[in-house]
N, C-alpha and C. Protein backbone atom coordinates (compact mmCIF):
# COMPACT_ATOMS: atom_id res chain seq x y z
N UNK A 1 0.85 -1.17 0.00
CA UNK A 1 0.00 0.00 0.00
C UNK A 1 0.90 1.24 0.00
N UNK A 2 0.62 2.17 -0.90
CA UNK A 2 1.44 3.38 -0.97
C UNK A 2 1.05 4.36 0.13
N UNK A 3 1.98 5.27 0.41
CA UNK A 3 1.74 6.29 1.44
C UNK A 3 0.50 7.11 1.11
N UNK A 4 0.29 7.42 -0.16
CA UNK A 4 -0.82 8.27 -0.59
C UNK A 4 -2.17 7.64 -0.28
N UNK A 5 -2.27 6.34 -0.35
CA UNK A 5 -3.56 5.68 -0.13
C UNK A 5 -3.68 5.09 1.27
N UNK A 6 -2.67 5.26 2.11
CA UNK A 6 -2.75 4.70 3.44
C UNK A 6 -3.82 5.41 4.26
N UNK A 7 -4.34 4.73 5.25
CA UNK A 7 -5.35 5.30 6.13
C UNK A 7 -4.84 6.55 6.83
N UNK A 8 -3.61 6.51 7.33
CA UNK A 8 -3.03 7.66 8.00
C UNK A 8 -2.90 8.86 7.08
N UNK A 9 -2.46 8.61 5.85
CA UNK A 9 -2.32 9.70 4.87
C UNK A 9 -3.68 10.30 4.55
N UNK A 10 -4.67 9.45 4.37
CA UNK A 10 -6.02 9.95 4.08
C UNK A 10 -6.57 10.78 5.23
N UNK A 11 -6.33 10.34 6.45
CA UNK A 11 -6.78 11.10 7.62
C UNK A 11 -6.07 12.44 7.71
N UNK A 12 -4.77 12.46 7.43
CA UNK A 12 -4.02 13.72 7.47
C UNK A 12 -4.53 14.67 6.38
N UNK A 13 -4.74 14.17 5.18
CA UNK A 13 -5.26 15.01 4.10
C UNK A 13 -6.63 15.58 4.45
N UNK A 14 -7.49 14.78 5.06
CA UNK A 14 -8.81 15.25 5.47
C UNK A 14 -8.67 16.31 6.57
N UNK A 15 -7.74 16.11 7.49
CA UNK A 15 -7.50 17.07 8.56
C UNK A 15 -7.02 18.41 7.99
N UNK A 16 -6.12 18.37 7.02
CA UNK A 16 -5.61 19.58 6.38
C UNK A 16 -6.76 20.31 5.68
N UNK A 17 -7.57 19.59 4.93
CA UNK A 17 -8.71 20.21 4.23
C UNK A 17 -9.68 20.86 5.21
N UNK A 18 -9.97 20.16 6.30
CA UNK A 18 -10.88 20.70 7.32
C UNK A 18 -10.29 21.95 7.98
N UNK A 19 -9.01 21.89 8.31
CA UNK A 19 -8.34 23.02 8.94
C UNK A 19 -8.37 24.25 8.03
N UNK A 20 -8.03 24.07 6.76
CA UNK A 20 -8.02 25.20 5.84
C UNK A 20 -9.43 25.74 5.58
N UNK A 21 -10.42 24.86 5.57
CA UNK A 21 -11.80 25.32 5.41
C UNK A 21 -12.20 26.17 6.62
N UNK A 22 -11.86 25.70 7.81
CA UNK A 22 -12.16 26.46 9.03
C UNK A 22 -11.44 27.81 9.00
N UNK A 23 -10.16 27.80 8.67
CA UNK A 23 -9.38 29.04 8.65
C UNK A 23 -9.89 30.02 7.60
N UNK A 24 -10.02 29.56 6.37
CA UNK A 24 -10.30 30.46 5.25
C UNK A 24 -11.76 30.84 5.08
N UNK A 25 -12.67 30.01 5.56
CA UNK A 25 -14.09 30.30 5.41
C UNK A 25 -14.70 30.74 6.74
N UNK A 26 -14.65 29.88 7.73
CA UNK A 26 -15.29 30.19 9.01
C UNK A 26 -14.61 31.34 9.74
N UNK A 27 -13.30 31.49 9.56
CA UNK A 27 -12.54 32.54 10.25
C UNK A 27 -12.02 33.59 9.27
N UNK A 28 -12.76 33.82 8.19
CA UNK A 28 -12.27 34.68 7.11
C UNK A 28 -11.94 36.10 7.55
N UNK A 29 -12.60 36.62 8.57
CA UNK A 29 -12.34 37.98 9.04
C UNK A 29 -11.34 38.05 10.19
N UNK A 30 -10.85 36.90 10.61
CA UNK A 30 -9.84 36.83 11.66
C UNK A 30 -8.46 36.63 11.02
N UNK A 31 -7.40 36.72 11.79
CA UNK A 31 -6.05 36.62 11.25
C UNK A 31 -5.84 35.31 10.47
N UNK A 32 -6.38 34.19 10.97
CA UNK A 32 -6.21 32.92 10.25
C UNK A 32 -6.78 33.01 8.84
N UNK A 33 -7.95 33.59 8.69
CA UNK A 33 -8.56 33.72 7.37
C UNK A 33 -7.86 34.74 6.50
N UNK A 34 -7.41 35.82 7.09
CA UNK A 34 -6.72 36.87 6.35
C UNK A 34 -5.39 36.39 5.78
N UNK A 35 -4.81 35.37 6.39
CA UNK A 35 -3.54 34.82 5.92
C UNK A 35 -3.70 34.07 4.59
N UNK A 36 -4.90 33.60 4.28
CA UNK A 36 -5.22 32.92 3.01
C UNK A 36 -4.30 31.73 2.72
N UNK A 37 -4.11 30.89 3.73
CA UNK A 37 -3.27 29.70 3.56
C UNK A 37 -3.87 28.74 2.55
N UNK A 38 -3.00 28.03 1.87
CA UNK A 38 -3.42 27.04 0.88
C UNK A 38 -2.64 25.75 1.13
N UNK A 39 -3.24 24.63 0.79
CA UNK A 39 -2.60 23.32 0.95
C UNK A 39 -1.47 23.17 -0.07
N UNK A 40 -0.27 22.91 0.43
CA UNK A 40 0.87 22.69 -0.46
C UNK A 40 1.46 21.30 -0.25
N UNK A 41 0.69 20.42 0.43
CA UNK A 41 1.11 19.04 0.59
C UNK A 41 1.23 18.60 2.03
N UNK A 42 1.19 17.30 2.21
CA UNK A 42 1.37 16.71 3.53
C UNK A 42 1.84 15.27 3.35
N UNK A 43 2.49 14.76 4.39
CA UNK A 43 2.97 13.38 4.35
C UNK A 43 2.81 12.76 5.73
N UNK A 44 1.96 11.76 5.81
CA UNK A 44 1.79 11.05 7.07
C UNK A 44 3.08 10.31 7.43
N UNK A 45 3.74 9.73 6.44
CA UNK A 45 4.98 8.97 6.68
C UNK A 45 6.08 9.87 7.22
N UNK A 46 6.17 11.10 6.70
CA UNK A 46 7.21 12.03 7.14
C UNK A 46 6.75 12.92 8.30
N UNK A 47 5.47 12.82 8.66
CA UNK A 47 4.87 13.65 9.73
C UNK A 47 5.01 15.13 9.41
N UNK A 48 4.63 15.51 8.15
CA UNK A 48 4.75 16.90 7.73
C UNK A 48 3.45 17.44 7.13
N UNK A 49 3.31 18.74 7.26
CA UNK A 49 2.27 19.51 6.58
C UNK A 49 2.96 20.73 5.99
N UNK A 50 2.58 21.11 4.76
CA UNK A 50 3.08 22.33 4.14
C UNK A 50 1.90 23.19 3.73
N UNK A 51 1.91 24.45 4.20
CA UNK A 51 0.93 25.44 3.79
C UNK A 51 1.65 26.50 2.97
N UNK A 52 0.97 27.04 1.97
CA UNK A 52 1.48 28.15 1.16
C UNK A 52 0.74 29.42 1.58
N UNK A 53 1.49 30.48 1.83
CA UNK A 53 0.92 31.76 2.25
C UNK A 53 1.30 32.84 1.24
N UNK A 54 0.31 33.51 0.62
CA UNK A 54 0.66 34.63 -0.24
C UNK A 54 1.16 35.79 0.62
N UNK A 55 2.22 36.44 0.18
CA UNK A 55 2.74 37.59 0.91
C UNK A 55 2.01 38.82 0.38
N UNK A 56 1.14 39.35 1.24
CA UNK A 56 0.21 40.41 0.85
C UNK A 56 0.68 41.78 1.34
N UNK A 57 0.27 42.86 0.65
CA UNK A 57 0.70 44.21 1.04
C UNK A 57 0.39 44.58 2.50
N UNK A 58 -0.73 44.14 3.03
CA UNK A 58 -1.08 44.48 4.42
C UNK A 58 -0.14 43.85 5.43
N UNK A 59 0.65 42.87 5.01
CA UNK A 59 1.56 42.16 5.91
C UNK A 59 2.97 42.76 5.94
N UNK A 60 3.19 43.81 5.16
CA UNK A 60 4.54 44.37 5.03
C UNK A 60 4.94 45.20 6.25
N UNK A 61 6.23 45.18 6.54
CA UNK A 61 6.79 46.05 7.57
C UNK A 61 7.21 47.37 6.91
N UNK A 62 7.82 48.26 7.68
CA UNK A 62 8.20 49.57 7.13
C UNK A 62 9.26 49.48 6.05
N UNK A 63 10.00 48.37 5.98
CA UNK A 63 11.00 48.18 4.93
C UNK A 63 10.39 47.61 3.65
N UNK A 64 9.10 47.27 3.70
CA UNK A 64 8.42 46.73 2.53
C UNK A 64 8.54 45.22 2.37
N UNK A 65 9.04 44.55 3.41
CA UNK A 65 9.15 43.10 3.39
C UNK A 65 8.12 42.51 4.35
N UNK A 66 7.96 41.21 4.30
CA UNK A 66 7.02 40.53 5.19
C UNK A 66 7.41 40.77 6.65
N UNK A 67 6.46 41.20 7.44
CA UNK A 67 6.69 41.47 8.86
C UNK A 67 7.01 40.16 9.59
N UNK A 68 7.97 40.19 10.50
CA UNK A 68 8.37 38.99 11.24
C UNK A 68 7.24 38.36 12.02
N UNK A 69 6.34 39.19 12.54
CA UNK A 69 5.19 38.66 13.28
C UNK A 69 4.27 37.84 12.40
N UNK A 70 4.20 38.19 11.13
CA UNK A 70 3.38 37.42 10.19
C UNK A 70 4.04 36.07 9.90
N UNK A 71 5.37 36.06 9.84
CA UNK A 71 6.07 34.78 9.68
C UNK A 71 5.76 33.89 10.89
N UNK A 72 5.81 34.47 12.09
CA UNK A 72 5.47 33.70 13.30
C UNK A 72 4.04 33.19 13.24
N UNK A 73 3.13 34.00 12.74
CA UNK A 73 1.73 33.59 12.60
C UNK A 73 1.61 32.42 11.63
N UNK A 74 2.30 32.50 10.50
CA UNK A 74 2.27 31.41 9.52
C UNK A 74 2.85 30.13 10.12
N UNK A 75 3.94 30.27 10.88
CA UNK A 75 4.52 29.11 11.55
C UNK A 75 3.51 28.51 12.53
N UNK A 76 2.93 29.35 13.37
CA UNK A 76 1.99 28.87 14.38
C UNK A 76 0.78 28.20 13.74
N UNK A 77 0.26 28.76 12.66
CA UNK A 77 -0.89 28.15 11.98
C UNK A 77 -0.54 26.77 11.42
N UNK A 78 0.61 26.66 10.80
CA UNK A 78 1.01 25.40 10.17
C UNK A 78 1.36 24.35 11.22
N UNK A 79 2.16 24.76 12.20
CA UNK A 79 2.56 23.83 13.25
C UNK A 79 1.34 23.38 14.05
N UNK A 80 0.45 24.32 14.37
CA UNK A 80 -0.73 23.99 15.16
C UNK A 80 -1.61 22.97 14.44
N UNK A 81 -1.73 23.10 13.14
CA UNK A 81 -2.53 22.14 12.37
C UNK A 81 -1.97 20.73 12.54
N UNK A 82 -0.66 20.60 12.49
CA UNK A 82 -0.03 19.29 12.65
C UNK A 82 -0.12 18.81 14.10
N UNK A 83 0.08 19.71 15.04
CA UNK A 83 -0.02 19.34 16.46
C UNK A 83 -1.42 18.86 16.79
N UNK A 84 -2.45 19.54 16.25
CA UNK A 84 -3.83 19.12 16.51
C UNK A 84 -4.12 17.75 15.90
N UNK A 85 -3.51 17.46 14.76
CA UNK A 85 -3.70 16.14 14.15
C UNK A 85 -3.21 15.05 15.10
N UNK A 86 -2.02 15.24 15.67
CA UNK A 86 -1.47 14.24 16.57
C UNK A 86 -2.15 14.23 17.93
N UNK A 87 -2.73 15.36 18.33
CA UNK A 87 -3.45 15.43 19.61
C UNK A 87 -4.80 14.73 19.53
N UNK A 88 -5.31 14.54 18.33
CA UNK A 88 -6.61 13.88 18.16
C UNK A 88 -7.73 14.74 18.69
N UNK A 89 -8.50 14.20 19.62
CA UNK A 89 -9.63 14.94 20.18
C UNK A 89 -9.21 15.90 21.29
N UNK A 90 -7.97 15.86 21.66
CA UNK A 90 -7.48 16.72 22.72
C UNK A 90 -7.25 18.14 22.22
N UNK A 91 -7.22 19.07 23.14
CA UNK A 91 -6.88 20.46 22.87
C UNK A 91 -5.36 20.54 22.85
N UNK A 92 -4.78 21.33 21.95
CA UNK A 92 -3.32 21.40 21.83
C UNK A 92 -2.83 22.85 21.80
N UNK A 93 -2.68 23.47 22.98
CA UNK A 93 -2.17 24.84 23.01
C UNK A 93 -0.66 24.90 22.83
N UNK A 94 -0.20 26.04 22.33
CA UNK A 94 1.22 26.29 22.14
C UNK A 94 1.90 26.51 23.49
N UNK A 95 2.99 25.82 23.74
CA UNK A 95 3.81 26.06 24.93
C UNK A 95 4.94 27.02 24.57
N UNK A 96 5.57 26.78 23.41
CA UNK A 96 6.65 27.67 22.99
C UNK A 96 6.74 27.69 21.47
N UNK A 97 7.25 28.81 20.97
CA UNK A 97 7.50 28.98 19.54
C UNK A 97 8.77 29.81 19.41
N UNK A 98 9.79 29.23 18.81
CA UNK A 98 11.07 29.90 18.63
C UNK A 98 11.33 30.03 17.13
N UNK A 99 11.51 31.26 16.66
CA UNK A 99 11.70 31.50 15.23
C UNK A 99 13.01 32.24 15.00
N UNK A 100 13.74 31.76 14.02
CA UNK A 100 14.98 32.42 13.58
C UNK A 100 14.74 32.96 12.17
N UNK A 101 14.89 34.27 12.01
CA UNK A 101 14.68 34.91 10.71
C UNK A 101 16.00 34.90 9.94
N UNK A 102 15.95 34.45 8.69
CA UNK A 102 17.17 34.26 7.91
C UNK A 102 17.31 35.29 6.79
N UNK A 103 16.23 35.51 6.04
CA UNK A 103 16.29 36.52 4.98
C UNK A 103 14.89 37.08 4.75
N UNK A 104 14.81 38.30 4.21
CA UNK A 104 13.49 38.91 3.98
C UNK A 104 12.77 38.25 2.81
N UNK A 105 11.47 38.43 2.81
CA UNK A 105 10.64 37.93 1.71
C UNK A 105 9.81 39.11 1.20
N UNK A 106 9.68 39.19 -0.11
CA UNK A 106 9.02 40.32 -0.75
C UNK A 106 7.51 40.11 -0.87
N UNK A 107 6.80 41.23 -0.83
CA UNK A 107 5.37 41.21 -1.12
C UNK A 107 5.19 40.70 -2.54
N UNK A 108 4.22 39.82 -2.75
CA UNK A 108 3.97 39.23 -4.06
C UNK A 108 4.51 37.81 -4.18
N UNK A 109 5.44 37.46 -3.33
CA UNK A 109 5.98 36.09 -3.29
C UNK A 109 4.98 35.20 -2.57
N UNK A 110 5.22 33.93 -2.54
CA UNK A 110 4.46 33.00 -1.68
C UNK A 110 5.47 32.31 -0.78
N UNK A 111 5.09 32.21 0.48
CA UNK A 111 5.95 31.57 1.47
C UNK A 111 5.43 30.16 1.71
N UNK A 112 6.29 29.18 1.51
CA UNK A 112 5.94 27.78 1.74
C UNK A 112 6.45 27.39 3.12
N UNK A 113 5.53 27.04 4.01
CA UNK A 113 5.87 26.73 5.40
C UNK A 113 5.61 25.25 5.65
N UNK A 114 6.66 24.53 6.03
CA UNK A 114 6.55 23.10 6.32
C UNK A 114 6.80 22.85 7.79
N UNK A 115 5.82 22.22 8.42
CA UNK A 115 5.95 21.79 9.82
C UNK A 115 6.22 20.30 9.83
N UNK A 116 7.08 19.88 10.76
CA UNK A 116 7.40 18.46 10.91
C UNK A 116 7.31 18.09 12.39
N UNK A 117 6.57 17.03 12.68
CA UNK A 117 6.50 16.52 14.05
C UNK A 117 7.75 15.71 14.31
N UNK A 118 8.55 16.16 15.26
CA UNK A 118 9.79 15.47 15.63
C UNK A 118 9.48 14.38 16.64
N UNK A 119 8.60 14.69 17.59
CA UNK A 119 8.18 13.72 18.61
C UNK A 119 6.74 14.02 18.98
N UNK A 120 5.88 13.03 18.80
CA UNK A 120 4.46 13.18 19.13
C UNK A 120 4.13 12.19 20.25
N UNK A 121 4.18 12.71 21.47
CA UNK A 121 3.92 11.87 22.63
C UNK A 121 2.51 12.01 23.15
N UNK A 122 2.26 11.37 24.28
CA UNK A 122 0.93 11.41 24.89
C UNK A 122 0.57 12.81 25.36
N UNK A 123 1.53 13.56 25.93
CA UNK A 123 1.26 14.89 26.48
C UNK A 123 1.92 16.03 25.71
N UNK A 124 3.03 15.76 25.08
CA UNK A 124 3.80 16.82 24.43
C UNK A 124 4.09 16.43 22.98
N UNK A 125 3.95 17.42 22.08
CA UNK A 125 4.35 17.24 20.68
C UNK A 125 5.40 18.29 20.37
N UNK A 126 6.55 17.85 19.89
CA UNK A 126 7.65 18.75 19.53
C UNK A 126 7.74 18.78 18.01
N UNK A 127 7.84 20.00 17.48
CA UNK A 127 7.81 20.18 16.04
C UNK A 127 8.87 21.17 15.58
N UNK A 128 9.27 21.05 14.32
CA UNK A 128 10.14 22.03 13.69
C UNK A 128 9.39 22.63 12.51
N UNK A 129 9.92 23.75 12.02
CA UNK A 129 9.25 24.43 10.92
C UNK A 129 10.27 25.18 10.08
N UNK A 130 10.05 25.21 8.78
CA UNK A 130 10.90 25.98 7.87
C UNK A 130 10.02 26.70 6.86
N UNK A 131 10.43 27.92 6.49
CA UNK A 131 9.74 28.70 5.48
C UNK A 131 10.69 28.97 4.32
N UNK A 132 10.19 28.76 3.12
CA UNK A 132 10.96 28.98 1.90
C UNK A 132 10.21 29.93 0.98
N UNK A 133 10.95 30.70 0.21
CA UNK A 133 10.36 31.53 -0.83
C UNK A 133 9.99 30.63 -2.00
N UNK A 134 8.77 30.74 -2.48
CA UNK A 134 8.39 29.96 -3.66
C UNK A 134 9.14 30.47 -4.90
N UNK A 135 9.38 31.78 -4.97
CA UNK A 135 10.05 32.36 -6.14
C UNK A 135 11.53 31.98 -6.22
N UNK A 136 12.23 32.03 -5.09
CA UNK A 136 13.68 31.80 -5.13
C UNK A 136 14.09 30.43 -4.60
N UNK A 137 13.23 29.78 -3.84
CA UNK A 137 13.57 28.51 -3.22
C UNK A 137 14.46 28.65 -2.00
N UNK A 138 14.77 29.87 -1.61
CA UNK A 138 15.69 30.10 -0.48
C UNK A 138 14.96 30.03 0.86
N UNK A 139 15.72 29.57 1.86
CA UNK A 139 15.21 29.49 3.22
C UNK A 139 15.02 30.90 3.78
N UNK A 140 13.83 31.16 4.33
CA UNK A 140 13.49 32.48 4.88
C UNK A 140 13.57 32.50 6.40
N UNK A 141 13.12 31.43 7.03
CA UNK A 141 13.09 31.36 8.49
C UNK A 141 13.01 29.89 8.90
N UNK A 142 13.44 29.62 10.13
CA UNK A 142 13.37 28.27 10.68
C UNK A 142 12.94 28.39 12.14
N UNK A 143 12.31 27.37 12.64
CA UNK A 143 11.85 27.44 14.01
C UNK A 143 11.55 26.09 14.62
N UNK A 144 11.16 26.16 15.88
CA UNK A 144 10.77 24.97 16.63
C UNK A 144 9.66 25.36 17.58
N UNK A 145 8.82 24.39 17.88
CA UNK A 145 7.68 24.66 18.75
C UNK A 145 7.34 23.43 19.58
N UNK A 146 6.70 23.69 20.71
CA UNK A 146 6.23 22.63 21.58
C UNK A 146 4.75 22.88 21.87
N UNK A 147 3.96 21.84 21.75
CA UNK A 147 2.52 21.89 22.03
C UNK A 147 2.18 20.87 23.10
N UNK A 148 1.21 21.21 23.93
CA UNK A 148 0.76 20.30 24.98
C UNK A 148 -0.57 19.68 24.55
N UNK A 149 -0.69 18.38 24.70
CA UNK A 149 -1.94 17.68 24.43
C UNK A 149 -2.76 17.64 25.71
N UNK A 150 -3.85 18.37 25.72
CA UNK A 150 -4.68 18.46 26.91
C UNK A 150 -5.96 17.66 26.69
N UNK A 151 -6.15 16.64 27.51
CA UNK A 151 -7.38 15.83 27.47
C UNK A 151 -8.45 16.65 28.18
N UNK A 152 -9.26 17.37 27.42
CA UNK A 152 -10.24 18.28 28.01
C UNK A 152 -11.32 17.54 28.79
N UNK A 153 -11.68 16.34 28.38
CA UNK A 153 -12.69 15.57 29.11
C UNK A 153 -12.13 15.18 30.49
N UNK A 154 -10.91 14.67 30.50
CA UNK A 154 -10.27 14.28 31.77
C UNK A 154 -10.06 15.50 32.66
N UNK A 155 -9.58 16.60 32.08
CA UNK A 155 -9.33 17.82 32.86
C UNK A 155 -10.63 18.34 33.48
N UNK A 156 -11.72 18.35 32.69
CA UNK A 156 -13.01 18.81 33.19
C UNK A 156 -13.50 17.91 34.33
N UNK A 157 -13.35 16.60 34.16
CA UNK A 157 -13.79 15.65 35.17
C UNK A 157 -13.01 15.85 36.47
N UNK A 158 -11.69 16.02 36.36
CA UNK A 158 -10.87 16.24 37.55
C UNK A 158 -11.22 17.54 38.24
N UNK A 159 -11.51 18.57 37.47
CA UNK A 159 -11.90 19.85 38.04
C UNK A 159 -13.23 19.74 38.78
N UNK A 160 -14.16 19.03 38.18
CA UNK A 160 -15.47 18.82 38.82
C UNK A 160 -15.34 18.02 40.10
N UNK A 161 -14.47 17.00 40.07
CA UNK A 161 -14.25 16.18 41.27
C UNK A 161 -13.64 17.00 42.41
N UNK A 162 -12.70 17.87 42.08
CA UNK A 162 -12.06 18.72 43.08
C UNK A 162 -13.04 19.73 43.66
N UNK A 163 -13.91 20.27 42.83
CA UNK A 163 -14.86 21.28 43.31
C UNK A 163 -15.98 20.67 44.14
N UNK A 164 -16.24 19.37 43.95
CA UNK A 164 -17.30 18.72 44.74
C UNK A 164 -16.79 18.19 46.08
N UNK A 165 -15.47 18.22 46.29
CA UNK A 165 -14.88 17.75 47.57
C UNK A 165 -15.16 18.68 48.70
């Protein structure tokens, strides 16, 4: 069975489609929707997701390049999508996000952001991320992030038990 037709690959592809639909349609007026992310591929075998982000004029800094905070937003959106996939039904908040900026990216380019799950455990998911210019193929930024898998049903039950004591 090839990776493309595997159950895990199909689930990841469905998760990516659902995430982008939520971001681009349901959250169209929020930062996630304004980013206009597009699916640029995913691999269950490699534990990766790639989103493409158009570099838009509203995202520019005073130098006319993509603002660093927008790069962080693109990283967080891409990494979070992968972290949520591995968290399953659990909530997966960001614990840390570390970004290293390497070179500027111009308005009009597209930034390809690939997140990779390095370790997906029961409570913690550790991920890396890289952004490349679609026009030049050059590395723009690199980063790492940690997400916590929170079992909201268990947490709620424990909270209720403590409050009834």
